[in-house]
Amino acid sequence: MNKDDILAYITDKYKLAASSSICFIKRGFNDTYLITDPIGRKFILRVYKHLWKSFSTIETEVKLLNYLHENKIS
């Protein structure tokens, strides 16, 4: 899947404007992308390699990120 396919999926799934952009940031055990919508909101997308992490491990990471966001910790 290339980054244009990823962007098409993300804009549909999360109802972002079709004119949003995607920029590859980092490759590793997961690939990290910056998504920017037309009004300047920015989102980080992490795409994990198949079977590299369990769902519960990813879920725990998301909970931590949400906790940091809710407490305004960058």
PDB file of N, CA and C in Angstrom:
ATOM      1  N   MET A   1       0.854  -1.178   0.000  1.00  0.00           N
ATOM      2  CA  MET A   1       0.000   0.000   0.000  1.00  0.00           C
ATOM      3  C   MET A   1       0.897   1.237   0.000  1.00  0.00           C
ATOM      4  N   ASN A   2       0.682   2.135  -0.944  1.00  0.00           N
ATOM      5  CA  ASN A   2       1.489   3.356  -0.984  1.00  0.00           C
ATOM      6  C   ASN A   2       0.808   4.469  -0.188  1.00  0.00           C
ATOM      7  N   LYS A   3       1.506   5.585  -0.025  1.00  0.00           N
ATOM      8  CA  LYS A   3       0.977   6.643   0.838  1.00  0.00           C
ATOM      9  C   LYS A   3      -0.305   7.269   0.291  1.00  0.00           C
ATOM     10  N   ASP A   4      -0.484   7.300  -1.027  1.00  0.00           N
ATOM     11  CA  ASP A   4      -1.729   7.835  -1.591  1.00  0.00           C
ATOM     12  C   ASP A   4      -2.915   6.927  -1.246  1.00  0.00           C
ATOM     13  N   ASP A   5      -2.691   5.620  -1.269  1.00  0.00           N
ATOM     14  CA  ASP A   5      -3.736   4.674  -0.864  1.00  0.00           C
ATOM     15  C   ASP A   5      -4.072   4.838   0.621  1.00  0.00           C
ATOM     16  N   ILE A   6      -3.024   5.030   1.428  1.00  0.00           N
ATOM     17  CA  ILE A   6      -3.232   5.234   2.868  1.00  0.00           C
ATOM     18  C   ILE A   6      -4.045   6.501   3.096  1.00  0.00           C
ATOM     19  N   LEU A   7      -3.681   7.581   2.407  1.00  0.00           N
ATOM     20  CA  LEU A   7      -4.407   8.848   2.567  1.00  0.00           C
ATOM     21  C   LEU A   7      -5.863   8.693   2.145  1.00  0.00           C
ATOM     22  N   ALA A   8      -6.114   8.019   1.051  1.00  0.00           N
ATOM     23  CA  ALA A   8      -7.495   7.810   0.599  1.00  0.00           C
ATOM     24  C   ALA A   8      -8.296   7.049   1.657  1.00  0.00           C
ATOM     25  N   TYR A   9      -7.692   6.029   2.242  1.00  0.00           N
ATOM     26  CA  TYR A   9      -8.369   5.252   3.288  1.00  0.00           C
ATOM     27  C   TYR A   9      -8.648   6.121   4.518  1.00  0.00           C
ATOM     28  N   ILE A  10      -7.646   6.882   4.952  1.00  0.00           N
ATOM     29  CA  ILE A  10      -7.778   7.709   6.162  1.00  0.00           C
ATOM     30  C   ILE A  10      -8.811   8.813   5.959  1.00  0.00           C
ATOM     31  N   THR A  11      -8.788   9.491   4.804  1.00  0.00           N
ATOM     32  CA  THR A  11      -9.757  10.572   4.588  1.00  0.00           C
ATOM     33  C   THR A  11     -11.178  10.031   4.552  1.00  0.00           C
ATOM     34  N   ASP A  12     -11.367   8.834   4.020  1.00  0.00           N
ATOM     35  CA  ASP A  12     -12.697   8.220   4.009  1.00  0.00           C
ATOM     36  C   ASP A  12     -13.096   7.751   5.411  1.00  0.00           C
ATOM     37  N   LYS A  13     -12.215   7.028   6.070  1.00  0.00           N
ATOM     38  CA  LYS A  13     -12.506   6.436   7.383  1.00  0.00           C
ATOM     39  C   LYS A  13     -12.790   7.504   8.436  1.00  0.00           C
ATOM     40  N   TYR A  14     -12.017   8.593   8.431  1.00  0.00           N
ATOM     41  CA  TYR A  14     -12.137   9.620   9.462  1.00  0.00           C
ATOM     42  C   TYR A  14     -12.792  10.898   8.965  1.00  0.00           C
ATOM     43  N   LYS A  15     -13.388  10.837   7.776  1.00  0.00           N
ATOM     44  CA  LYS A  15     -14.143  11.961   7.207  1.00  0.00           C
ATOM     45  C   LYS A  15     -13.318  13.244   7.135  1.00  0.00           C
ATOM     46  N   LEU A  16     -12.080  13.120   6.688  1.00  0.00           N
ATOM     47  CA  LEU A  16     -11.237  14.290   6.457  1.00  0.00           C
ATOM     48  C   LEU A  16     -11.422  14.749   5.014  1.00  0.00           C
ATOM     49  N   ALA A  17     -11.098  15.996   4.754  1.00  0.00           N
ATOM     50  CA  ALA A  17     -11.226  16.533   3.401  1.00  0.00           C
ATOM     51  C   ALA A  17     -10.324  15.765   2.443  1.00  0.00           C
ATOM     52  N   ALA A  18     -10.828  15.535   1.243  1.00  0.00           N
ATOM     53  CA  ALA A  18     -10.059  14.824   0.222  1.00  0.00           C
ATOM     54  C   ALA A  18      -8.775  15.569  -0.137  1.00  0.00           C
ATOM     55  N   SER A  19      -8.744  16.872   0.126  1.00  0.00           N
ATOM     56  CA  SER A  19      -7.553  17.662  -0.190  1.00  0.00           C
ATOM     57  C   SER A  19      -6.517  17.637   0.937  1.00  0.00           C
ATOM     58  N   SER A  20      -6.702  16.760   1.928  1.00  0.00           N
ATOM     59  CA  SER A  20      -5.702  16.598   2.985  1.00  0.00           C
ATOM     60  C   SER A  20      -4.416  16.059   2.363  1.00  0.00           C
ATOM     61  N   SER A  21      -3.303  16.260   3.082  1.00  0.00           N
ATOM     62  CA  SER A  21      -2.017  15.782   2.553  1.00  0.00           C
ATOM     63  C   SER A  21      -1.393  14.775   3.510  1.00  0.00           C
ATOM     64  N   ILE A  22      -0.469  14.000   2.974  1.00  0.00           N
ATOM     65  CA  ILE A  22       0.240  12.997   3.761  1.00  0.00           C
ATOM     66  C   ILE A  22       1.729  13.149   3.515  1.00  0.00           C
ATOM     67  N   CYS A  23       2.499  13.029   4.584  1.00  0.00           N
ATOM     68  CA  CYS A  23       3.952  13.141   4.476  1.00  0.00           C
ATOM     69  C   CYS A  23       4.573  12.012   5.298  1.00  0.00           C
ATOM     70  N   PHE A  24       5.404  11.214   4.664  1.00  0.00           N
ATOM     71  CA  PHE A  24       6.108  10.151   5.364  1.00  0.00           C
ATOM     72  C   PHE A  24       7.135  10.771   6.299  1.00  0.00           C
ATOM     73  N   ILE A  25       7.164  10.322   7.567  1.00  0.00           N
ATOM     74  CA  ILE A  25       8.105  10.865   8.550  1.00  0.00           C
ATOM     75  C   ILE A  25       9.223   9.882   8.878  1.00  0.00           C
ATOM     76  N   LYS A  26       8.846   8.627   9.194  1.00  0.00           N
ATOM     77  CA  LYS A  26       9.853   7.697   9.715  1.00  0.00           C
ATOM     78  C   LYS A  26       9.481   6.256   9.406  1.00  0.00           C
ATOM     79  N   ARG A  27      10.480   5.476   9.041  1.00  0.00           N
ATOM     80  CA  ARG A  27      10.305   4.036   8.829  1.00  0.00           C
ATOM     81  C   ARG A  27      11.034   3.310   9.957  1.00  0.00           C
ATOM     82  N   GLY A  28      10.434   2.253  10.431  1.00  0.00           N
ATOM     83  CA  GLY A  28      11.040   1.439  11.481  1.00  0.00           C
ATOM     84  C   GLY A  28      10.205   0.187  11.634  1.00  0.00           C
ATOM     85  N   PHE A  29       9.985  -0.235  12.865  1.00  0.00           N
ATOM     86  CA  PHE A  29       9.089  -1.367  13.093  1.00  0.00           C
ATOM     87  C   PHE A  29       7.660  -0.970  12.751  1.00  0.00           C
ATOM     88  N   ASN A  30       7.453   0.326  12.671  1.00  0.00           N
ATOM     89  CA  ASN A  30       6.189   0.866  12.177  1.00  0.00           C
ATOM     90  C   ASN A  30       6.530   2.077  11.326  1.00  0.00           C
ATOM     91  N   ASP A  31       5.643   2.437  10.421  1.00  0.00           N
ATOM     92  CA  ASP A  31       5.848   3.623   9.590  1.00  0.00           C
ATOM     93  C   ASP A  31       4.998   4.756  10.164  1.00  0.00           C
ATOM     94  N   THR A  32       5.565   5.945  10.195  1.00  0.00           N
ATOM     95  CA  THR A  32       4.879   7.095  10.768  1.00  0.00           C
ATOM     96  C   THR A  32       4.670   8.148   9.681  1.00  0.00           C
ATOM     97  N   TYR A  33       3.439   8.665   9.616  1.00  0.00           N
ATOM     98  CA  TYR A  33       3.054   9.663   8.622  1.00  0.00           C
ATOM     99  C   TYR A  33       2.432  10.867   9.319  1.00  0.00           C
ATOM    100  N   LEU A  34       2.610  12.031   8.722  1.00  0.00           N
ATOM    101  CA  LEU A  34       1.933  13.245   9.160  1.00  0.00           C
ATOM    102  C   LEU A  34       0.801  13.522   8.178  1.00  0.00           C
ATOM    103  N   ILE A  35      -0.409  13.606   8.691  1.00  0.00           N
ATOM    104  CA  ILE A  35      -1.577  13.949   7.880  1.00  0.00           C
ATOM    105  C   ILE A  35      -1.945  15.395   8.220  1.00  0.00           C
ATOM    106  N   THR A  36      -2.117  16.225   7.218  1.00  0.00           N
ATOM    107  CA  THR A  36      -2.517  17.621   7.430  1.00  0.00           C
ATOM    108  C   THR A  36      -3.770  17.886   6.616  1.00  0.00           C
ATOM    109  N   ASP A  37      -4.792  18.440   7.278  1.00  0.00           N
ATOM    110  CA  ASP A  37      -6.015  18.752   6.538  1.00  0.00           C
ATOM    111  C   ASP A  37      -5.960  20.194   6.045  1.00  0.00           C
ATOM    112  N   PRO A  38      -6.902  20.595   5.194  1.00  0.00           N
ATOM    113  CA  PRO A  38      -6.849  21.935   4.579  1.00  0.00           C
ATOM    114  C   PRO A  38      -6.913  23.096   5.565  1.00  0.00           C
ATOM    115  N   ILE A  39      -7.441  22.869   6.764  1.00  0.00           N
ATOM    116  CA  ILE A  39      -7.506  23.979   7.732  1.00  0.00           C
ATOM    117  C   ILE A  39      -6.329  23.962   8.707  1.00  0.00           C
ATOM    118  N   GLY A  40      -5.360  23.091   8.435  1.00  0.00           N
ATOM    119  CA  GLY A  40      -4.122  23.104   9.205  1.00  0.00           C
ATOM    120  C   GLY A  40      -4.055  22.149  10.390  1.00  0.00           C
ATOM    121  N   ARG A  41      -5.110  21.367  10.613  1.00  0.00           N
ATOM    122  CA  ARG A  41      -5.033  20.383  11.701  1.00  0.00           C
ATOM    123  C   ARG A  41      -4.052  19.298  11.289  1.00  0.00           C
ATOM    124  N   LYS A  42      -3.285  18.814  12.278  1.00  0.00           N
ATOM    125  CA  LYS A  42      -2.266  17.801  11.995  1.00  0.00           C
ATOM    126  C   LYS A  42      -2.537  16.549  12.828  1.00  0.00           C
ATOM    127  N   PHE A  43      -2.311  15.417  12.189  1.00  0.00           N
ATOM    128  CA  PHE A  43      -2.530  14.124  12.818  1.00  0.00           C
ATOM    129  C   PHE A  43      -1.332  13.235  12.524  1.00  0.00           C
ATOM    130  N   ILE A  44      -0.987  12.397  13.471  1.00  0.00           N
ATOM    131  CA  ILE A  44       0.066  11.410  13.260  1.00  0.00           C
ATOM    132  C   ILE A  44      -0.595  10.063  13.033  1.00  0.00           C
ATOM    133  N   LEU A  45      -0.165   9.371  12.006  1.00  0.00           N
ATOM    134  CA  LEU A  45      -0.655   8.039  11.697  1.00  0.00           C
ATOM    135  C   LEU A  45       0.512   7.070  11.810  1.00  0.00           C
ATOM    136  N   ARG A  46       0.320   6.036  12.592  1.00  0.00           N
ATOM    137  CA  ARG A  46       1.350   5.005  12.723  1.00  0.00           C
ATOM    138  C   ARG A  46       0.804   3.704  12.144  1.00  0.00           C
ATOM    139  N   VAL A  47       1.532   3.130  11.204  1.00  0.00           N
ATOM    140  CA  VAL A  47       1.135   1.881  10.563  1.00  0.00           C
ATOM    141  C   VAL A  47       2.104   0.797  11.032  1.00  0.00           C
ATOM    142  N   TYR A  48       1.565  -0.155  11.780  1.00  0.00           N
ATOM    143  CA  TYR A  48       2.398  -1.218  12.341  1.00  0.00           C
ATOM    144  C   TYR A  48       2.599  -2.353  11.351  1.00  0.00           C
ATOM    145  N   LYS A  49       3.757  -2.969  11.415  1.00  0.00           N
ATOM    146  CA  LYS A  49       4.018  -4.169  10.630  1.00  0.00           C
ATOM    147  C   LYS A  49       3.142  -5.294  11.165  1.00  0.00           C
ATOM    148  N   HIS A  50       2.694  -6.155  10.287  1.00  0.00           N
ATOM    149  CA  HIS A  50       1.818  -7.263  10.656  1.00  0.00           C
ATOM    150  C   HIS A  50       2.468  -8.142  11.724  1.00  0.00           C
ATOM    151  N   LEU A  51       1.736  -8.359  12.808  1.00  0.00           N
ATOM    152  CA  LEU A  51       2.136  -9.230  13.920  1.00  0.00           C
ATOM    153  C   LEU A  51       3.358  -8.748  14.699  1.00  0.00           C
ATOM    154  N   TRP A  52       3.780  -7.493  14.512  1.00  0.00           N
ATOM    155  CA  TRP A  52       4.928  -6.999  15.264  1.00  0.00           C
ATOM    156  C   TRP A  52       4.543  -6.718  16.708  1.00  0.00           C
ATOM    157  N   LYS A  53       3.360  -6.171  16.931  1.00  0.00           N
ATOM    158  CA  LYS A  53       2.850  -5.914  18.277  1.00  0.00           C
ATOM    159  C   LYS A  53       1.467  -6.524  18.382  1.00  0.00           C
ATOM    160  N   SER A  54       1.130  -6.938  19.589  1.00  0.00           N
ATOM    161  CA  SER A  54      -0.212  -7.472  19.804  1.00  0.00           C
ATOM    162  C   SER A  54      -1.211  -6.317  19.862  1.00  0.00           C
ATOM    163  N   PHE A  55      -2.466  -6.644  19.638  1.00  0.00           N
ATOM    164  CA  PHE A  55      -3.502  -5.614  19.703  1.00  0.00           C
ATOM    165  C   PHE A  55      -3.525  -4.970  21.079  1.00  0.00           C
ATOM    166  N   SER A  56      -3.376  -5.763  22.144  1.00  0.00           N
ATOM    167  CA  SER A  56      -3.422  -5.199  23.507  1.00  0.00           C
ATOM    168  C   SER A  56      -2.257  -4.239  23.751  1.00  0.00           C
ATOM    169  N   THR A  57      -1.090  -4.507  23.169  1.00  0.00           N
ATOM    170  CA  THR A  57       0.044  -3.598  23.309  1.00  0.00           C
ATOM    171  C   THR A  57      -0.236  -2.278  22.595  1.00  0.00           C
ATOM    172  N   ILE A  58      -0.783  -2.344  21.402  1.00  0.00           N
ATOM    173  CA  ILE A  58      -1.134  -1.132  20.662  1.00  0.00           C
ATOM    174  C   ILE A  58      -2.219  -0.368  21.398  1.00  0.00           C
ATOM    175  N   GLU A  59      -3.212  -1.084  21.910  1.00  0.00           N
ATOM    176  CA  GLU A  59      -4.297  -0.453  22.661  1.00  0.00           C
ATOM    177  C   GLU A  59      -3.758   0.291  23.884  1.00  0.00           C
ATOM    178  N   THR A  60      -2.795  -0.295  24.583  1.00  0.00           N
ATOM    179  CA  THR A  60      -2.179   0.352  25.747  1.00  0.00           C
ATOM    180  C   THR A  60      -1.426   1.611  25.329  1.00  0.00           C
ATOM    181  N   GLU A  61      -0.732   1.558  24.209  1.00  0.00           N
ATOM    182  CA  GLU A  61      -0.026   2.736  23.705  1.00  0.00           C
ATOM    183  C   GLU A  61      -1.003   3.859  23.378  1.00  0.00           C
ATOM    184  N   VAL A  62      -2.129   3.528  22.766  1.00  0.00           N
ATOM    185  CA  VAL A  62      -3.144   4.537  22.437  1.00  0.00           C
ATOM    186  C   VAL A  62      -3.727   5.137  23.717  1.00  0.00           C
ATOM    187  N   LYS A  63      -3.971   4.321  24.726  1.00  0.00           N
ATOM    188  CA  LYS A  63      -4.474   4.840  26.011  1.00  0.00           C
ATOM    189  C   LYS A  63      -3.488   5.828  26.617  1.00  0.00           C
ATOM    190  N   LEU A  64      -2.202   5.501  26.544  1.00  0.00           N
ATOM    191  CA  LEU A  64      -1.185   6.416  27.058  1.00  0.00           C
ATOM    192  C   LEU A  64      -1.185   7.721  26.270  1.00  0.00           C
ATOM    193  N   LEU A  65      -1.237   7.637  24.957  1.00  0.00           N
ATOM    194  CA  LEU A  65      -1.265   8.854  24.145  1.00  0.00           C
ATOM    195  C   LEU A  65      -2.494   9.706  24.444  1.00  0.00           C
ATOM    196  N   ASN A  66      -3.639   9.072  24.626  1.00  0.00           N
ATOM    197  CA  ASN A  66      -4.856   9.809  24.975  1.00  0.00           C
ATOM    198  C   ASN A  66      -4.722  10.463  26.345  1.00  0.00           C
ATOM    199  N   TYR A  67      -4.129   9.765  27.304  1.00  0.00           N
ATOM    200  CA  TYR A  67      -3.916  10.329  28.634  1.00  0.00           C
ATOM    201  C   TYR A  67      -3.012  11.563  28.549  1.00  0.00           C
ATOM    202  N   LEU A  68      -1.929  11.457  27.799  1.00  0.00           N
ATOM    203  CA  LEU A  68      -1.028  12.601  27.643  1.00  0.00           C
ATOM    204  C   LEU A  68      -1.753  13.781  26.995  1.00  0.00           C
ATOM    205  N   HIS A  69      -2.538  13.507  25.976  1.00  0.00           N
ATOM    206  CA  HIS A  69      -3.295  14.560  25.289  1.00  0.00           C
ATOM    207  C   HIS A  69      -4.290  15.220  26.239  1.00  0.00           C
ATOM    208  N   GLU A  70      -5.044  14.414  26.981  1.00  0.00           N
ATOM    209  CA  GLU A  70      -6.051  14.947  27.913  1.00  0.00           C
ATOM    210  C   GLU A  70      -5.433  15.807  29.003  1.00  0.00           C
ATOM    211  N   ASN A  71      -4.189  15.521  29.338  1.00  0.00           N
ATOM    212  CA  ASN A  71      -3.496  16.276  30.390  1.00  0.00           C
ATOM    213  C   ASN A  71      -2.532  17.313  29.823  1.00  0.00           C
ATOM    214  N   LYS A  72      -2.688  17.591  28.514  1.00  0.00           N
ATOM    215  CA  LYS A  72      -1.908  18.614  27.821  1.00  0.00           C
ATOM    216  C   LYS A  72      -0.402  18.416  27.987  1.00  0.00           C
ATOM    217  N   ILE A  73       0.015  17.142  27.879  1.00  0.00           N
ATOM    218  CA  ILE A  73       1.436  16.801  27.958  1.00  0.00           C
ATOM    219  C   ILE A  73       1.884  16.420  26.542  1.00  0.00           C
ATOM    220  N   SER A  74       2.862  17.153  26.022  1.00  0.00           N
ATOM    221  CA  SER A  74       3.295  16.876  24.642  1.00  0.00           C
ATOM    222  C   SER A  74       4.235  15.690  24.583  1.00  0.00           C
TER     223      SER A  74
END
